Protein backbone atom coordinates (compact mmCIF):
# COMPACT_ATOMS: atom_id res chain seq x y z
CA MET A 1 38.62 -69.12 -7.98
CA VAL A 2 36.20 -68.32 -10.66
CA ARG A 3 32.79 -66.79 -9.97
CA ARG A 4 29.94 -68.39 -10.51
CA THR A 5 27.29 -66.29 -12.90
CA VAL A 6 22.97 -67.12 -12.60
CA LYS A 7 20.63 -65.35 -13.69
CA VAL A 8 18.51 -63.19 -12.24
CA PHE A 9 14.49 -63.60 -12.96
CA ASN A 10 11.38 -61.31 -12.54
CA LEU A 11 8.30 -62.27 -10.86
CA GLN A 12 6.71 -63.49 -14.18
CA GLY A 13 10.08 -66.44 -13.90
CA GLU A 14 11.58 -64.32 -17.13
CA SER A 15 15.26 -63.74 -16.82
CA VAL A 16 16.31 -59.92 -17.03
CA GLY A 17 19.61 -60.60 -16.11
CA LYS A 18 22.98 -61.95 -14.73
CA ILE A 19 24.69 -61.62 -11.19
CA LYS A 20 27.98 -63.10 -10.06
CA LEU A 21 27.54 -64.54 -6.95
CA PRO A 22 29.48 -64.09 -3.36
CA PRO A 23 32.68 -66.25 -2.43
CA VAL A 24 30.77 -67.25 0.09
CA PHE A 25 28.70 -69.92 -2.18
CA GLN A 26 32.09 -71.50 -2.79
CA THR A 27 32.64 -72.46 1.17
CA PRO A 28 33.16 -76.72 0.64
CA LEU A 29 30.16 -78.00 2.14
CA ARG A 30 30.88 -78.88 6.54
CA PRO A 31 27.65 -80.82 8.08
CA ASP A 32 29.39 -81.70 10.46
CA VAL A 33 30.25 -78.01 12.13
CA ILE A 34 26.64 -77.26 10.36
CA LYS A 35 25.20 -79.60 13.14
CA ARG A 36 27.13 -78.39 16.02
CA ALA A 37 25.96 -75.10 15.19
CA VAL A 38 22.25 -75.92 14.52
CA LEU A 39 22.11 -77.54 18.22
CA ALA A 40 24.28 -74.20 19.76
CA ILE A 41 21.36 -72.14 18.64
CA GLN A 42 18.27 -74.67 19.94
CA SER A 43 19.95 -75.27 22.81
CA GLY A 44 19.72 -71.73 23.45
CA ARG A 45 15.79 -71.85 23.95
CA PHE A 46 15.88 -74.41 26.37
CA GLN A 47 14.39 -73.44 29.95
CA PRO A 48 16.29 -74.58 32.85
CA GLN A 49 14.60 -76.91 35.00
CA GLY A 50 14.41 -78.58 38.60
CA ARG A 51 13.11 -80.17 41.56
CA ASN A 52 12.86 -77.78 44.53
CA PRO A 53 15.52 -78.78 47.04
CA MET A 54 12.93 -79.30 49.98
CA ALA A 55 10.66 -81.43 48.52
CA GLY A 56 10.18 -84.76 50.14
CA LYS A 57 11.94 -83.13 53.01
CA ARG A 58 9.27 -81.66 55.24
CA THR A 59 9.10 -84.09 57.96
CA THR A 60 9.97 -84.69 61.29
CA ALA A 61 10.64 -88.23 60.40
CA GLU A 62 14.02 -89.73 61.77
CA SER A 63 15.07 -92.86 61.85
CA ARG A 64 14.90 -95.32 64.67
CA GLY A 65 18.29 -96.84 64.94
CA VAL A 66 19.55 -100.64 65.06
CA GLY A 67 18.19 -103.14 66.95
CA GLN A 68 14.03 -102.65 66.05
CA GLY A 69 14.23 -105.93 64.26
CA ILE A 70 13.14 -102.97 60.87
CA ALA A 71 14.80 -101.18 58.44
CA ARG A 72 16.76 -98.19 59.68
CA ILE A 73 14.86 -95.47 57.39
CA PRO A 74 13.68 -92.45 59.05
CA ARG A 75 9.78 -92.90 60.27
CA LEU A 76 7.34 -90.64 61.55
CA LYS A 77 6.50 -90.27 65.04
CA GLY A 78 3.90 -91.90 66.83
CA PRO A 79 3.01 -95.57 66.81
CA GLY A 80 3.16 -96.60 62.92
CA GLN A 81 6.18 -97.85 61.05
CA ARG A 82 5.31 -95.98 57.80
CA GLY A 83 8.80 -94.27 56.60
CA ALA A 84 9.31 -90.79 55.17
CA PHE A 85 12.12 -89.05 53.71
CA ALA A 86 13.76 -91.46 51.66
CA PRO A 87 13.58 -91.75 48.22
CA GLY A 88 12.23 -95.59 48.53
CA THR A 89 9.00 -94.61 50.44
CA VAL A 90 5.83 -92.84 49.60
CA GLY A 91 5.99 -88.80 49.01
CA GLY A 92 9.95 -89.19 50.35
CA ARG A 93 13.00 -86.99 48.19
CA ALA A 94 13.80 -88.59 44.40
CA ALA A 95 16.95 -90.17 44.98
CA HIS A 96 18.85 -88.23 41.93
CA PRO A 97 16.40 -84.97 40.69
CA PRO A 98 16.83 -82.29 37.81
CA VAL A 99 18.73 -79.09 38.98
CA SER A 100 18.38 -76.05 37.45
CA GLU A 101 21.96 -75.67 37.82
CA LYS A 102 22.66 -77.89 34.74
CA LYS A 103 24.34 -76.91 32.25
CA ILE A 104 22.00 -77.32 29.10
CA VAL A 105 23.44 -74.69 26.75
CA LYS A 106 25.90 -75.66 23.94
CA ARG A 107 28.64 -73.35 23.18
CA ILE A 108 30.45 -72.99 19.98
CA PRO A 109 33.16 -71.13 18.61
CA LYS A 110 32.57 -67.68 16.83
CA LYS A 111 35.22 -69.14 13.68
CA GLU A 112 33.19 -72.15 13.74
CA LYS A 113 29.57 -70.59 14.24
CA ARG A 114 30.66 -68.62 11.18
CA LEU A 115 32.04 -71.51 9.33
CA ALA A 116 28.79 -73.54 9.36
CA LEU A 117 26.60 -70.46 8.45
CA PHE A 118 29.22 -69.67 5.32
CA SER A 119 28.51 -73.51 4.45
CA ALA A 120 24.93 -73.46 5.10
CA ILE A 121 24.44 -70.93 2.32
CA ALA A 122 26.71 -72.49 0.33
CA ALA A 123 24.80 -75.37 0.41
CA THR A 124 21.71 -73.90 -0.81
CA ALA A 125 23.46 -73.50 -4.13
CA SER A 126 23.74 -77.18 -4.73
CA LYS A 127 20.89 -78.58 -6.74
CA LYS A 128 22.10 -81.83 -6.01
CA ILE A 129 22.47 -81.02 -1.70
CA VAL A 130 18.91 -79.41 -2.30
CA ALA A 131 17.50 -82.31 -4.00
CA SER A 132 18.43 -84.95 -1.33
CA ARG A 133 17.15 -82.74 1.27
CA GLY A 134 13.70 -83.70 -0.12
CA HIS A 135 12.75 -80.60 -2.06
CA ALA A 136 10.53 -80.85 -5.05
CA VAL A 137 13.09 -79.53 -7.69
CA GLU A 138 12.30 -79.04 -11.17
CA ASP A 139 14.36 -79.74 -13.94
CA ALA A 140 14.63 -76.40 -15.56
CA LEU A 141 14.55 -74.59 -11.91
CA GLN A 142 17.83 -72.77 -11.24
CA ILE A 143 19.71 -73.36 -7.99
CA PRO A 144 20.16 -70.32 -6.80
CA LEU A 145 17.06 -69.07 -7.48
CA ILE A 146 17.53 -65.45 -7.91
CA VAL A 147 14.73 -62.99 -7.90
CA THR A 148 14.17 -58.88 -8.42
CA ASP A 149 13.67 -56.81 -5.61
CA ASP A 150 10.35 -56.15 -6.42
CA LEU A 151 9.59 -59.60 -4.51
CA GLU A 152 10.34 -57.39 -1.14
CA LYS A 153 7.57 -55.38 -1.88
CA LEU A 154 4.41 -57.72 -2.37
CA THR A 155 2.27 -57.08 0.51
CA LYS A 156 -0.78 -59.68 -0.38
CA THR A 157 -0.26 -63.04 -0.11
CA LYS A 158 -2.20 -63.91 -3.09
CA ASP A 159 0.59 -62.31 -5.07
CA VAL A 160 3.44 -63.74 -3.74
CA GLU A 161 1.54 -67.32 -4.46
CA GLU A 162 1.86 -66.00 -8.10
CA ALA A 163 5.23 -65.35 -8.03
CA LEU A 164 6.10 -68.82 -6.22
CA ILE A 165 4.29 -70.28 -9.05
CA HIS A 166 5.92 -68.42 -12.24
CA LEU A 167 9.22 -68.83 -10.46
CA GLY A 168 8.80 -72.62 -10.50
CA VAL A 169 8.66 -73.26 -7.14
CA LEU A 170 4.69 -74.57 -6.50
CA SER A 171 5.31 -78.05 -5.94
CA ASP A 172 7.43 -77.64 -3.40
CA ILE A 173 4.67 -75.84 -2.05
CA TYR A 174 2.38 -78.95 -2.71
CA ARG A 175 4.44 -80.96 -0.80
CA VAL A 176 4.57 -79.19 2.12
CA ARG A 177 0.65 -79.04 2.10
CA GLU A 178 0.74 -82.88 1.53
CA SER A 179 2.76 -83.48 4.62
CA ARG A 180 0.43 -81.89 7.14
CA LYS A 181 -0.36 -83.92 9.69
CA ILE A 182 -1.37 -84.91 13.07
CA ARG A 183 1.96 -85.24 15.14
CA ALA A 184 1.67 -88.73 17.10
CA GLY A 185 2.31 -88.63 21.19
CA ARG A 186 2.02 -86.23 24.10
CA GLY A 187 3.02 -83.39 21.87
CA LYS A 188 -0.49 -83.17 20.78
CA LEU A 189 -1.34 -81.72 24.18
CA ARG A 190 1.66 -79.33 24.43
CA GLY A 191 1.10 -76.89 21.64
CA ARG A 192 2.68 -79.26 18.69
CA LYS A 193 -0.59 -80.38 17.34
CA LEU A 194 0.13 -80.32 13.67
CA LYS A 195 3.52 -80.90 11.90
CA GLN A 196 4.46 -80.46 8.29
CA ALA A 197 8.02 -80.09 6.09
CA VAL A 198 9.70 -76.95 5.43
CA GLY A 199 9.07 -75.31 2.22
CA PRO A 200 11.38 -72.74 0.32
CA LEU A 201 13.15 -69.87 2.10
CA ILE A 202 12.99 -66.53 1.26
CA VAL A 203 15.92 -64.37 1.57
CA VAL A 204 15.53 -60.53 1.29
CA ALA A 205 18.05 -57.67 2.40
CA GLU A 206 15.11 -55.65 3.71
CA ASN A 207 11.28 -56.37 4.58
CA GLY A 208 8.92 -54.20 2.12
CA GLY A 209 6.15 -56.27 3.22
CA ILE A 210 6.46 -59.77 1.87
CA LYS A 211 6.97 -60.88 5.55
CA LYS A 212 3.60 -60.52 6.34
CA ALA A 213 2.21 -61.82 3.10
CA ALA A 214 4.10 -64.87 2.79
CA GLU A 215 3.49 -66.11 6.23
CA ASN A 216 0.02 -67.57 5.42
CA ILE A 217 2.00 -70.22 2.88
CA PRO A 218 2.43 -73.74 4.28
CA GLY A 219 6.24 -73.81 4.73
CA VAL A 220 7.44 -70.88 3.47
CA ASP A 221 9.74 -68.61 5.65
CA VAL A 222 10.75 -64.96 5.17
CA VAL A 223 14.31 -63.58 6.57
CA THR A 224 16.58 -60.83 6.21
CA VAL A 225 20.16 -61.21 5.37
CA ASN A 226 21.66 -59.39 8.92
CA ASN A 227 19.45 -62.52 10.22
CA LEU A 228 20.33 -65.37 8.94
CA ASN A 229 21.56 -67.91 10.92
CA ALA A 230 22.37 -72.31 10.14
CA GLU A 231 19.06 -73.61 11.33
CA ILE A 232 16.96 -71.10 9.38
CA LEU A 233 19.15 -73.23 5.83
CA ALA A 234 19.59 -76.45 7.22
CA PRO A 235 16.36 -76.56 9.31
CA GLY A 236 16.88 -79.88 11.41
CA THR A 237 20.63 -80.44 10.90
CA HIS A 238 20.23 -80.63 7.21
CA PRO A 239 21.76 -78.40 5.03
CA GLY A 240 19.95 -77.55 1.74
CA ARG A 241 17.27 -75.52 1.89
CA LEU A 242 15.44 -74.19 -1.00
CA THR A 243 16.07 -70.54 -1.17
CA ILE A 244 14.41 -67.95 -3.12
CA TRP A 245 17.63 -64.42 -3.01
CA THR A 246 16.81 -61.30 -4.03
CA ASN A 247 18.96 -59.20 -6.01
CA SER A 248 19.75 -56.86 -3.10
CA ALA A 249 20.04 -59.68 -0.66
CA ILE A 250 22.54 -61.17 -2.66
CA GLN A 251 24.76 -57.68 -2.73
CA LYS A 252 24.94 -57.55 0.75
CA LEU A 253 25.56 -60.83 1.42
CA ASN A 254 28.96 -60.07 -0.50
CA GLU A 255 29.34 -56.97 1.51
CA ILE A 256 28.69 -58.88 4.79
CA TYR A 257 30.66 -62.04 4.10
CA GLY A 258 32.21 -61.51 1.30
CA GLY A 259 35.81 -62.92 1.66
CA GLY A 260 33.87 -66.30 2.78
CA GLU A 261 35.32 -69.64 3.06
CA GLU A 262 37.78 -70.49 -0.23
CA ALA A 263 37.38 -74.30 -1.27
């Protein structure tokens, strides 16, 4: 297996060296496994919800039996005929209500979850897959994009924006800004008023201040190598997110997942 060699760029977009990619970048693409892993991660954030078991049952209503010329549904005491308790009555119980005991978390084997992570990492190294996901990829842009460790130490949003301009990913930032719009439907009232596309991901070995500096740039996320997962690398279950790696992040990736999955 031949390991691919790529260029390393500084913050001005100039090539300053080369580095060999870890074997994990040669993992075969498995979108089916990636989708399962992402859905499993998302299901872990779900909240159990159900109805009160006594809802609609707090009544003394009883059925009057047969021979009365009326239906046998439970009715309130007294001269009236108002029904209660039964699902078809006003204020009655729900027929098949949701229960909090329902299993809502989807499980996935550890080996499968690991394969999904490896496959999602490898997808970030394919220009064809990154472009097919919708990212604005320039012809001269190297995929994967490896940058010196100076990127991790940036503490100003202005400096991060300048670095992204020099590295050639500004067009993808513009794409994210133009995609921002008000969500249709009830989600506007539930804390999800706006929606926008996903932009570049910056993977670092250590957070030297860039995470706070980049949080106000639309669509840009920063994550350390130790916290990588399939959902971050493949938002919406779609692999091939435009990813910027620092030199130390690649080295640490090789230390943690050196073997990978050979094609």
